[in-house]
Protein backbone atom coordinates (compact mmCIF):
# COMPACT_ATOMS: atom_id res chain seq x y z
CA UNK A 1 87.12 82.52 81.34
CA UNK A 2 90.19 82.39 79.17
CA UNK A 3 93.25 81.63 81.31
CA UNK A 4 96.15 81.41 78.87
CA UNK A 5 98.64 84.23 78.72
CA UNK A 6 98.85 86.44 75.68
CA UNK A 7 101.82 85.97 73.38
CA UNK A 8 103.95 89.12 73.25
CA UNK A 9 104.42 90.51 69.76
CA UNK A 10 106.27 93.47 68.30
CA UNK A 11 104.23 95.71 70.56
CA UNK A 12 104.19 93.47 73.67
CA UNK A 13 102.77 95.99 76.11
CA UNK A 14 99.94 96.78 73.73
CA UNK A 15 99.17 93.09 73.24
CA UNK A 16 99.25 92.55 76.98
CA UNK A 17 96.83 95.42 77.42
CA UNK A 18 94.56 93.73 74.89
CA UNK A 19 94.87 96.56 72.40
CA UNK A 20 94.96 95.69 68.72
CA UNK A 21 98.20 97.42 67.84
CA UNK A 22 100.26 100.50 68.35
CA UNK A 23 100.91 103.75 66.56
CA UNK A 24 104.49 104.92 66.10
CA UNK A 25 103.50 108.52 65.41
CA UNK A 26 104.28 111.33 67.81
CA UNK A 27 101.90 112.00 70.71
CA UNK A 28 99.07 114.46 70.07
CA UNK A 29 100.49 116.92 72.60
CA UNK A 30 104.00 116.51 71.17
CA UNK A 31 105.37 115.62 74.60
CA UNK A 32 108.54 113.63 74.10
CA UNK A 33 109.25 112.44 77.61
CA UNK A 34 111.76 109.60 77.74
CA UNK A 35 111.69 108.70 81.41
CA UNK A 36 109.08 108.31 84.04
CA UNK A 37 109.02 110.81 86.86
CA UNK A 38 107.91 108.11 89.24
CA UNK A 39 111.23 106.30 89.48
CA UNK A 40 111.53 102.54 89.63
CA UNK A 41 108.58 100.23 89.90
CA UNK A 42 107.37 98.78 93.15
CA UNK A 43 106.25 95.19 92.95
CA UNK A 44 104.99 92.90 95.65
CA UNK A 45 108.49 91.39 95.76
CA UNK A 46 110.40 94.65 96.16
CA UNK A 47 108.33 97.67 97.12
CA UNK A 48 109.94 101.06 96.76
CA UNK A 49 110.21 103.00 100.02
CA UNK A 50 108.99 106.17 98.32
CA UNK A 51 106.22 104.51 96.29
CA UNK A 52 102.69 105.76 96.75
CA UNK A 53 100.07 103.35 98.02
CA UNK A 54 97.98 103.88 94.89
CA UNK A 55 94.30 104.66 94.50
CA UNK A 56 92.19 104.27 97.64
CA UNK A 57 89.35 101.82 97.39
CA UNK A 58 86.04 103.66 97.66
CA UNK A 59 83.73 102.53 100.46
CA UNK A 60 81.10 101.65 97.85
CA UNK A 61 83.47 99.00 96.41
CA UNK A 62 83.24 97.00 99.64
CA UNK A 63 79.47 96.56 99.40
CA UNK A 64 78.34 93.07 98.38
CA UNK A 65 75.72 94.10 95.81
CA UNK A 66 75.83 94.96 92.10
CA UNK A 67 76.66 98.61 92.88
CA UNK A 68 79.61 97.41 94.96
CA UNK A 69 80.78 95.20 92.07
CA UNK A 70 80.56 98.18 89.68
CA UNK A 71 82.54 100.34 92.09
CA UNK A 72 85.18 97.61 92.43
CA UNK A 73 85.62 97.25 88.66
CA UNK A 74 85.86 101.05 88.37
CA UNK A 75 88.52 100.97 91.10
CA UNK A 76 90.37 98.15 89.30
CA UNK A 77 90.58 100.27 86.11
CA UNK A 78 92.02 103.08 88.27
CA UNK A 79 94.59 100.62 89.64
CA UNK A 80 95.56 99.49 86.10
CA UNK A 81 96.05 103.15 85.10
CA UNK A 82 98.04 103.88 88.26
CA UNK A 83 100.32 100.87 87.73
CA UNK A 84 100.88 101.80 84.07
CA UNK A 85 101.68 105.40 84.97
CA UNK A 86 103.97 104.65 87.93
CA UNK A 87 105.28 101.11 87.56
CA UNK A 88 103.98 100.34 91.08
CA UNK A 89 102.18 97.01 90.58
CA UNK A 90 101.67 95.83 94.16
CA UNK A 91 98.03 96.91 94.39
CA UNK A 92 97.29 95.61 90.87
CA UNK A 93 98.59 92.15 91.76
CA UNK A 94 96.57 92.03 94.98
CA UNK A 95 93.29 93.19 93.36
CA UNK A 96 93.17 90.13 91.12
CA UNK A 97 95.53 87.62 92.74
CA UNK A 98 93.26 84.71 91.77
CA UNK A 99 93.02 85.76 88.11
CA UNK A 100 95.85 84.33 86.00
CA UNK A 101 94.81 86.39 82.97
CA UNK A 102 94.87 89.63 85.03
CA UNK A 103 98.45 89.02 86.17
CA UNK A 104 99.67 89.89 82.67
CA UNK A 105 99.19 93.59 83.44
CA UNK A 106 101.66 93.75 86.35
CA UNK A 107 104.07 91.35 84.60
CA UNK A 108 104.28 93.61 81.54
CA UNK A 109 104.57 96.79 83.62
CA UNK A 110 107.28 95.24 85.83
CA UNK A 111 109.24 94.13 82.76
CA UNK A 112 108.83 97.46 81.01
CA UNK A 113 109.86 99.60 84.00
CA UNK A 114 112.79 97.33 84.93
CA UNK A 115 114.12 97.87 81.38
CA UNK A 116 113.89 101.65 81.73
CA UNK A 117 110.58 101.94 79.88
CA UNK A 118 107.53 103.82 81.07
CA UNK A 119 103.96 104.86 80.46
CA UNK A 120 103.07 108.52 80.53
CA UNK A 121 99.43 109.16 81.18
CA UNK A 122 96.54 106.87 81.94
CA UNK A 123 95.92 104.41 79.09
CA UNK A 124 92.27 103.59 79.87
CA UNK A 125 89.06 105.53 80.30
CA UNK A 126 86.06 103.69 81.72
CA UNK A 127 82.89 104.35 79.72
CA UNK A 128 80.41 102.06 81.48
CA UNK A 129 79.86 98.88 83.47
CA UNK A 130 77.05 96.32 83.22
CA UNK A 131 76.64 93.81 86.04
CA UNK A 132 74.75 90.52 86.25
CA UNK A 133 74.55 88.53 89.48
CA UNK A 134 75.34 84.85 89.51
CA UNK A 135 75.18 82.19 92.20
CA UNK A 136 78.68 82.42 93.69
CA UNK A 137 80.21 85.09 91.47
CA UNK A 138 79.17 88.28 89.73
CA UNK A 139 79.93 89.03 86.10
CA UNK A 140 80.71 92.61 85.16
CA UNK A 141 81.38 93.87 81.64
CA UNK A 142 83.30 97.11 81.47
CA UNK A 143 83.45 99.24 78.33
CA UNK A 144 86.85 100.89 78.24
CA UNK A 145 88.47 103.19 75.70
CA UNK A 146 92.19 103.40 75.17
CA UNK A 147 93.44 106.95 75.46
CA UNK A 148 95.66 108.22 72.66
CA UNK A 149 97.05 110.87 75.01
CA UNK A 150 98.88 108.08 76.89
CA UNK A 151 102.26 107.08 75.52
CA UNK A 152 104.61 104.24 76.36
CA UNK A 153 108.19 103.23 75.86
CA UNK A 154 109.04 99.51 76.17
CA UNK A 155 112.65 100.09 77.25
CA UNK A 156 115.01 102.97 77.96
CA UNK A 157 116.26 103.32 74.38
CA UNK A 158 113.03 102.28 72.63
CA UNK A 159 110.91 104.66 70.61
CA UNK A 160 108.00 106.27 72.46
CA UNK A 161 104.66 105.00 71.10
CA UNK A 162 100.99 105.44 71.80
CA UNK A 163 98.23 102.84 71.86
CA UNK A 164 95.70 102.64 69.06
CA UNK A 165 92.45 104.30 69.98
CA UNK A 166 89.98 101.47 70.59
CA UNK A 167 86.88 100.59 72.53
CA UNK A 168 87.32 97.39 74.53
CA UNK A 169 84.84 95.27 76.46
CA UNK A 170 86.42 93.49 79.39
CA UNK A 171 84.41 90.78 81.14
CA UNK A 172 85.25 90.27 84.81
CA UNK A 173 84.24 87.43 87.08
CA UNK A 174 84.15 88.72 90.66
CA UNK A 175 83.83 86.87 93.94
CA UNK A 176 82.63 88.62 97.10
CA UNK A 177 85.11 88.66 100.01
CA UNK A 178 84.90 89.79 103.61
CA UNK A 179 86.22 93.24 102.66
CA UNK A 180 84.72 93.71 99.19
CA UNK A 181 85.57 91.80 96.03
CA UNK A 182 88.29 89.80 94.30
CA UNK A 183 88.61 89.41 90.53
CA UNK A 184 88.85 85.68 89.77
CA UNK A 185 88.62 85.83 85.97
CA UNK A 186 88.89 88.26 83.10
CA UNK A 187 88.73 88.15 79.33
CA UNK A 188 87.93 90.38 76.42
CA UNK A 189 84.52 90.12 74.77
CA UNK A 190 83.08 91.64 71.60
């Protein structure tokens, strides 16, 4: 698995989300929100008292078979969307604490929200998951589409943008744990 961090470019959040670029045009629904309604982000270092706990892990995601691995990856995509939409990254950090590559998501969201930026809407839609069992880990490949209805703003005074519409294939390396799964590696595959 690739473990180096992505280099931020002109559209750092988009690069961190492994999207090819960004589109400066207005959102399709012409919503021009400039602040998040969720308030400040909650990170593992400073949780917000009013922050939601995030998406609940489905019981299926605790099963130690390929269906459990699929359910966990599905849940992880929900957590990525939740963290992008709210700035609350605590659950996102915990879901993949052993995956250096995965920690880019909460780092970007923390930076963006601390600078007054925000995401509006869920940036990813899961289209499918393929799983193959290994000896000590399970590999899951998720097909994910970026949603053009989602918009983001890197900082308080930055222009609101939306991600390019793309289909991505994320490869996850999962390790079973006593209470489900842990993501130990992630990269993008073609």
